[in-house]
Amino acid sequence: MEDKLIDDEARLAAARRLNIFDTPRERAFDHITKLVKMSLRVPVSAVSLIDEDRQWFKSIQGFDVTETTLERSFCVVSIRHRQPTVVTDALSDPRFCNNPVVVGEPCVRSYAGAPLILPDGYQVGTLCAVGFEPRTFSHEELSVLTELAGCVVREMELRERAAIDEMTGFMSRAPFLKRLEAVLDHYRGRGTGAVLSILDLDHFKAINDSFGHPVGDRVLQAVAQTCRDVLGETAQFGRLGGEEFALMIADADLHGAVARFDALRRAIAAIRFDDLPQLRVNASFGVAALNPVVSTVPIWCKLADTALYSAKQSGRNRVMIAGATDAATLAATGRTLPFADQVDERRLAALTEEIMAGPAY
């Protein structure tokens, strides 16, 4: 069990399985941080989750920030301990006396952080209380903090179960679209790239009609697992409905993401069922990258959906890029050009205007 305190790769995978990073604030978590602030009489309280290179706040009271670097984080130390971490005077604590938030603004002096321990034993963050004056925390106060940290974990588990499609294990439609909202906000703030694909299984109705709905369910589950196997932990997965899925790769360039989606297309085509050797599965993909004309999630989704329609109209079992051409043609010509050269921007702008004039996605 204690090995899980130092296994950062597995801890990060456990945190990402929660599908919580970069999601909007939620009342349940804000209620808990408000209770911490009042109960422990501190100016700042937060639900802090530790990502690969940042500390991200699902909820925070007293500061108007959403994340910090790990260099500025007390919680990155707290997740190494099963019991609450307490700092009575940060200036005299060798672990934190040189921390930028101690020697400079906002001049943190006291801290208490209870670890957020998942049922599998991994600690993904803390529920913390922060002060600007040296102070001690009583046994009763730390007990309250620990109990409320357990409440945070239960809320995370509840939101995870509510957000998951039981058939595939992917995020259901509404939570996935909320995730895209968070990614779009992140893009506006930092200019990082992300690429969305909507895929649809070709002739899925014929599979259900020919083999029955139980086999159709097996196909959906096999495709979902293939998506995970090919795209890995860095991708986000959603089921929009029926046989339609959405896949999003953050911090990615268009060309690299399209290559991964095309590899997934080939892997889906290679799915076989030993008891049904005649069954074949194919998928069509529409792809759209974030760019300055993508101002809302409905526009982003509609761009990908329009490209998907083009893939269907062009013969199915292919990857099409919004405003451009299919991935196979790009690969055949060996093109590795940047987004502006791959995509017909006039066509993309016209398509965006058409989408904005039409009904919401």
Foldseek 3Di string as FASTA:
>chain_A
DLVLLVPVVVLQLVVLLLVQPLFAADPLQQVLQVCLCVVQVAQKKFWWFDHPFKIATSYMGNDDDGIGGVLQDPFNVQSSDQAKDWFQAQCPDVVRVPRCCCVHPPNWTIKIWHFQAAPVGHTGTTTMGTHNHGDDGDPVSSVSRNVSSPVVNVVSVVVQVVQADPLARAGEAPSVLSSVVSLLVVCVVPVAKKKKKKKAKPPLVVVCVPPNVVVSSVLLNVLSVLCCVQVHSQKHKYDHDDRMIMIMHTNDFPLVVLVSVLVSQVVQQVDADPVCRPDGIGMEMFMEMDDPLCPGSQLRVVQRVVQSVVCVVVPGSWYGYRQAGTPVVCVVVVDPDGPVVRHPVVSSNVSSVVSVPDDGD
